Amino acid sequence: MPDTIPLQDATVYGPIPSRRLGWSLGINILPLSHKVCSSNCVYCQYGWTLPGGSSERLKRAPQLLEEIAAAFQRCVEERTPVDCITLAGNGEPTLHPDLEELVAGIKRLRDAHFPRAAVGILSDATQLDRPHVRAALSLLDARYMKFDAADEATWRRINQPLGRTDFQAMVAALRALPDIVLQSLFMQGAYDNTGEPHVRAWVEAVGSIRPRSVQVYTVDRGTAAPGITEVPRPTLQAIADRLTAATGIPAEVYE
């Protein structure tokens, strides 16, 4: 397994050929010098979420939208392919206090520059209890929510939430959020969520959430914790097929 990757060094990066999203133009609304996240996932491609941070100040919506507009214009001039525009970057984007203003502004810029591209977000789902986060998510075309663990003990071991999020409350908030896609990463080695008891519980939990679909995948870059290994495709496919057979929810495997 290769090393973890550096943090994104710009507000707009890519587009990156995504296994799940096509040519994804990334939007990082968080600092460039350090990761800001509400989780400390053992498999994170950016490494650990470290305490302390740096002296870099969080950019607010007007400055970020100005930088995003300039980057979008460059992409148009260079005829850069863009299938989707994805808020992700150096941590958890729903932590930004101006999220609703940013989403609305990015959609306006999308309409002007890439009218066929969807605007989505990659989120760890820990902030769904906050009204302004739910309001911002409702404006998006696509909501990709992490769901790697079917029970609180596994969630705390793998995703290592840093705040006071309650697992059952998070699951209830996912149930209440309409038209979502769940992203479930499976791993083996030092951390393993592919055992029969967990997969059985995961199928039941996903069935209760009723997402539009589920993206099943595994690690393909370096991870924060050592000793994590990828899951073979036949195992991933068996998990996806089991979910669909039991619940009718479409599941697609990405390697």
Protein backbone atom coordinates (compact mmCIF):
# COMPACT_ATOMS: atom_id res chain seq x y z
CA MET A 1 0.00 0.00 0.00
CA PRO A 2 1.44 3.44 -0.93
CA ASP A 3 1.89 6.29 1.53
CA THR A 4 -0.91 8.70 2.42
CA ILE A 5 -1.28 11.65 0.06
CA PRO A 6 -0.57 15.34 0.79
CA LEU A 7 -3.38 17.71 1.71
CA GLN A 8 -4.96 19.67 -1.11
CA ASP A 9 -3.07 22.91 -1.68
CA ALA A 10 -5.80 24.95 -3.38
CA THR A 11 -9.48 25.79 -2.96
CA VAL A 12 -10.27 24.12 -6.30
CA TYR A 13 -8.34 21.01 -7.32
CA GLY A 14 -8.49 18.44 -10.07
CA PRO A 15 -10.57 17.34 -11.79
CA ILE A 16 -9.70 13.93 -10.38
CA PRO A 17 -10.77 10.72 -12.16
CA SER A 18 -13.00 9.30 -9.44
CA ARG A 19 -13.96 5.64 -9.22
CA ARG A 20 -17.46 6.72 -8.32
CA LEU A 21 -18.05 10.20 -9.74
CA GLY A 22 -16.25 10.47 -13.09
CA TRP A 23 -14.18 13.65 -13.59
CA SER A 24 -14.68 15.25 -10.20
CA LEU A 25 -13.65 18.86 -9.68
CA GLY A 26 -12.89 19.11 -5.99
CA ILE A 27 -13.78 22.06 -3.79
CA ASN A 28 -11.82 22.45 -0.56
CA ILE A 29 -13.47 25.04 1.70
CA LEU A 30 -11.18 24.17 4.61
CA PRO A 31 -7.63 25.34 5.43
CA LEU A 32 -4.72 24.28 3.23
CA SER A 33 -2.19 23.81 6.03
CA HIS A 34 -3.97 21.19 8.14
CA LYS A 35 -6.90 18.80 8.17
CA VAL A 36 -10.10 19.96 9.87
CA CYS A 37 -12.36 16.99 10.49
CA SER A 38 -14.95 15.63 12.88
CA SER A 39 -13.59 12.10 12.42
CA ASN A 40 -10.20 10.44 12.60
CA CYS A 41 -10.80 7.50 10.28
CA VAL A 42 -8.12 4.82 10.40
CA TYR A 43 -8.21 4.53 6.60
CA CYS A 44 -7.98 8.25 5.74
CA GLN A 45 -5.84 8.91 2.68
CA TYR A 46 -4.66 12.21 4.21
CA GLY A 47 -3.40 10.64 7.43
CA TRP A 48 -4.48 11.42 10.98
CA THR A 49 -6.49 14.43 12.11
CA LEU A 50 -3.95 16.09 14.38
CA PRO A 51 -4.75 18.34 17.36
CA GLY A 52 -3.82 21.99 17.39
CA GLY A 53 -4.06 22.97 13.75
CA SER A 54 -2.16 26.05 12.62
CA SER A 55 -2.41 29.83 12.54
CA GLU A 56 -4.13 29.78 9.14
CA ARG A 57 -7.51 31.48 9.35
CA LEU A 58 -10.60 29.91 7.83
CA LYS A 59 -11.60 31.64 4.60
CA ARG A 60 -15.17 32.88 4.59
CA ALA A 61 -17.68 32.52 1.78
CA PRO A 62 -16.98 35.73 -0.23
CA GLN A 63 -13.25 34.99 -0.56
CA LEU A 64 -13.81 31.31 -1.33
CA LEU A 65 -16.44 32.04 -3.98
CA GLU A 66 -14.12 34.54 -5.64
CA GLU A 67 -11.39 31.90 -5.85
CA ILE A 68 -13.85 29.27 -7.08
CA ALA A 69 -15.17 31.60 -9.81
CA ALA A 70 -11.63 32.25 -11.09
CA ALA A 71 -10.81 28.53 -11.09
CA PHE A 72 -14.03 27.65 -12.93
CA GLN A 73 -13.23 30.25 -15.59
CA ARG A 74 -9.77 28.73 -16.09
CA CYS A 75 -11.30 25.29 -16.49
CA VAL A 76 -13.66 26.59 -19.16
CA GLU A 77 -10.84 28.32 -21.03
CA GLU A 78 -8.72 25.15 -20.91
CA ARG A 79 -11.71 22.95 -21.87
CA THR A 80 -11.24 20.82 -18.79
CA PRO A 81 -13.77 17.95 -18.52
CA VAL A 82 -16.00 18.26 -15.46
CA ASP A 83 -18.66 15.64 -14.68
CA CYS A 84 -19.33 16.78 -11.13
CA ILE A 85 -18.28 19.39 -8.60
CA THR A 86 -17.63 17.88 -5.19
CA LEU A 87 -17.18 19.56 -1.81
CA ALA A 88 -14.57 17.44 -0.07
CA GLY A 89 -10.93 18.41 0.48
CA ASN A 90 -8.96 18.62 3.71
CA GLY A 91 -11.48 17.23 6.16
CA GLU A 92 -15.22 17.50 6.77
CA PRO A 93 -16.84 20.27 4.66
CA THR A 94 -20.00 20.48 6.78
CA LEU A 95 -17.91 22.04 9.55
CA HIS A 96 -17.65 25.31 7.60
CA PRO A 97 -19.95 27.97 9.17
CA ASP A 98 -20.89 29.45 5.76
CA LEU A 99 -21.85 26.13 4.18
CA GLU A 100 -25.32 27.16 3.00
CA GLU A 101 -24.03 30.40 1.42
CA LEU A 102 -21.19 28.47 -0.22
CA VAL A 103 -23.45 25.79 -1.69
CA ALA A 104 -25.80 28.40 -3.13
CA GLY A 105 -22.87 30.34 -4.60
CA ILE A 106 -21.20 27.26 -6.08
CA LYS A 107 -24.46 26.26 -7.73
CA ARG A 108 -24.76 29.72 -9.32
CA LEU A 109 -21.21 29.41 -10.63
CA ARG A 110 -21.94 25.88 -11.84
CA ASP A 111 -24.96 27.12 -13.80
CA ALA A 112 -22.77 29.71 -15.50
CA HIS A 113 -19.79 27.47 -16.30
CA PHE A 114 -20.72 23.77 -16.19
CA PRO A 115 -24.53 23.56 -16.43
CA ARG A 116 -24.51 19.77 -16.90
CA ALA A 117 -22.38 19.04 -13.82
CA ALA A 118 -23.91 17.94 -10.54
CA VAL A 119 -22.85 19.61 -7.30
CA GLY A 120 -22.35 17.15 -4.46
CA ILE A 121 -20.65 16.64 -1.13
CA LEU A 122 -18.64 13.91 0.57
CA SER A 123 -19.50 13.92 4.27
CA ASP A 124 -18.91 11.79 7.36
CA ALA A 125 -22.55 12.47 8.38
CA THR A 126 -21.62 13.54 11.91
CA GLN A 127 -23.06 17.07 11.62
CA LEU A 128 -26.58 16.21 10.50
CA ASP A 129 -28.10 17.39 13.78
CA ARG A 130 -27.26 21.02 12.86
CA PRO A 131 -30.14 22.82 11.07
CA HIS A 132 -27.89 24.94 8.83
CA VAL A 133 -26.09 21.79 7.66
CA ARG A 134 -29.35 20.09 6.73
CA ALA A 135 -30.47 23.25 4.93
CA ALA A 136 -27.23 23.36 2.93
CA LEU A 137 -27.42 19.66 2.08
CA SER A 138 -30.97 20.12 0.79
CA LEU A 139 -29.63 22.51 -1.88
CA LEU A 140 -27.17 20.01 -3.32
CA ASP A 141 -27.73 17.71 -6.28
CA ALA A 142 -25.98 14.78 -4.59
CA ARG A 143 -25.31 13.86 -0.97
CA TYR A 144 -22.70 11.12 -0.41
CA MET A 145 -22.71 10.07 3.23
CA LYS A 146 -20.17 7.79 4.89
CA PHE A 147 -21.51 4.66 6.56
CA ASP A 148 -18.75 2.15 7.25
CA ALA A 149 -19.99 0.68 10.52
CA ALA A 150 -23.30 -0.84 11.58
CA ASP A 151 -22.84 -0.43 15.33
CA GLU A 152 -21.38 2.14 17.68
CA ALA A 153 -18.39 0.05 18.77
CA THR A 154 -17.23 -0.57 15.19
CA TRP A 155 -17.89 3.07 14.27
CA ARG A 156 -15.79 4.34 17.16
CA ARG A 157 -12.99 1.91 16.33
CA ILE A 158 -12.85 2.67 12.57
CA ASN A 159 -14.14 6.23 12.17
CA GLN A 160 -13.04 7.54 15.58
CA PRO A 161 -15.44 10.51 15.87
CA LEU A 162 -13.86 13.52 17.55
CA GLY A 163 -17.00 15.30 18.70
CA ARG A 164 -20.01 14.33 20.79
CA THR A 165 -21.97 12.73 17.96
CA ASP A 166 -24.24 9.93 19.09
CA PHE A 167 -24.23 6.97 16.69
CA GLN A 168 -27.93 6.20 16.94
CA ALA A 169 -28.80 9.87 16.48
CA MET A 170 -26.60 9.94 13.36
CA VAL A 171 -28.38 6.89 11.94
CA ALA A 172 -31.75 8.50 12.66
CA ALA A 173 -30.62 11.69 10.89
CA LEU A 174 -29.52 9.64 7.88
CA ARG A 175 -32.98 8.05 7.77
CA ALA A 176 -34.56 11.52 7.76
CA LEU A 177 -32.28 12.92 5.01
CA PRO A 178 -33.92 12.30 1.63
CA ASP A 179 -32.29 11.00 -1.54
CA ILE A 180 -28.84 10.14 -0.21
CA VAL A 181 -26.12 7.79 -1.41
CA LEU A 182 -24.26 5.87 1.28
CA GLN A 183 -20.55 5.19 0.84
CA SER A 184 -19.34 2.13 2.72
CA LEU A 185 -15.64 1.32 2.83
CA PHE A 186 -14.69 -2.21 3.79
CA MET A 187 -11.21 -3.20 4.95
CA GLN A 188 -9.29 -6.11 6.33
CA GLY A 189 -6.03 -6.57 8.20
CA ALA A 190 -5.44 -4.54 11.35
CA TYR A 191 -9.06 -3.32 11.18
CA ASP A 192 -11.76 -5.52 9.71
CA ASN A 193 -15.44 -4.81 9.07
CA THR A 194 -16.06 -7.76 6.72
CA GLY A 195 -16.88 -10.41 9.33
CA GLU A 196 -20.27 -12.14 9.18
CA PRO A 197 -21.80 -10.53 12.30
CA HIS A 198 -20.91 -7.04 11.14
CA VAL A 199 -22.00 -7.52 7.53
CA ARG A 200 -25.33 -8.92 8.73
CA ALA A 201 -25.82 -5.89 11.00
CA TRP A 202 -24.70 -3.51 8.21
CA VAL A 203 -27.29 -4.90 5.80
CA GLU A 204 -29.98 -4.43 8.43
CA ALA A 205 -28.84 -0.86 9.24
CA VAL A 206 -28.63 0.20 5.59
CA GLY A 207 -32.08 -1.30 5.02
CA SER A 208 -33.45 0.89 7.81
CA ILE A 209 -31.85 4.05 6.36
CA ARG A 210 -33.22 3.37 2.84
CA PRO A 211 -30.69 5.36 0.77
CA ARG A 212 -31.12 5.79 -2.96
CA SER A 213 -28.10 3.54 -3.47
CA VAL A 214 -24.90 2.35 -1.81
CA GLN A 215 -21.32 2.57 -3.08
CA VAL A 216 -19.26 -0.35 -1.77
CA TYR A 217 -15.49 0.01 -2.03
CA THR A 218 -12.16 -0.57 -0.32
CA VAL A 219 -8.84 1.19 0.25
CA ASP A 220 -6.69 2.01 -2.77
CA ARG A 221 -4.26 4.53 -1.22
CA GLY A 222 -2.17 4.70 1.91
CA THR A 223 -4.02 4.79 5.23
CA ALA A 224 -3.53 6.66 8.49
CA ALA A 225 -3.27 3.45 10.51
CA PRO A 226 -0.78 0.78 9.44
CA GLY A 227 -1.70 -2.78 8.55
CA ILE A 228 -4.96 -2.09 6.70
CA THR A 229 -5.40 -4.18 3.54
CA GLU A 230 -7.83 -3.99 0.66
CA VAL A 231 -10.77 -6.35 0.36
CA PRO A 232 -10.84 -8.59 -2.73
CA ARG A 233 -13.49 -7.70 -5.29
CA PRO A 234 -15.40 -11.01 -4.94
CA THR A 235 -15.89 -10.28 -1.23
CA LEU A 236 -17.06 -6.72 -1.95
CA GLN A 237 -19.44 -8.00 -4.62
CA ALA A 238 -20.85 -10.60 -2.26
CA ILE A 239 -21.56 -7.87 0.32
CA ALA A 240 -23.21 -5.64 -2.28
CA ASP A 241 -25.30 -8.50 -3.68
CA ARG A 242 -26.38 -9.51 -0.19
CA LEU A 243 -27.60 -5.98 0.54
CA THR A 244 -29.62 -5.77 -2.67
CA ALA A 245 -31.10 -9.23 -2.23
CA ALA A 246 -32.19 -8.47 1.33
CA THR A 247 -33.40 -4.88 0.90
CA GLY A 248 -33.81 -4.11 -2.80
CA ILE A 249 -31.40 -1.18 -2.44
CA PRO A 250 -29.01 -0.91 -5.42
CA ALA A 251 -25.35 -1.37 -4.51
CA GLU A 252 -22.38 -0.91 -6.81
CA VAL A 253 -18.82 -2.06 -6.18
CA TYR A 254 -15.86 0.22 -6.85
CA GLU A 255 -12.25 -0.94 -6.69
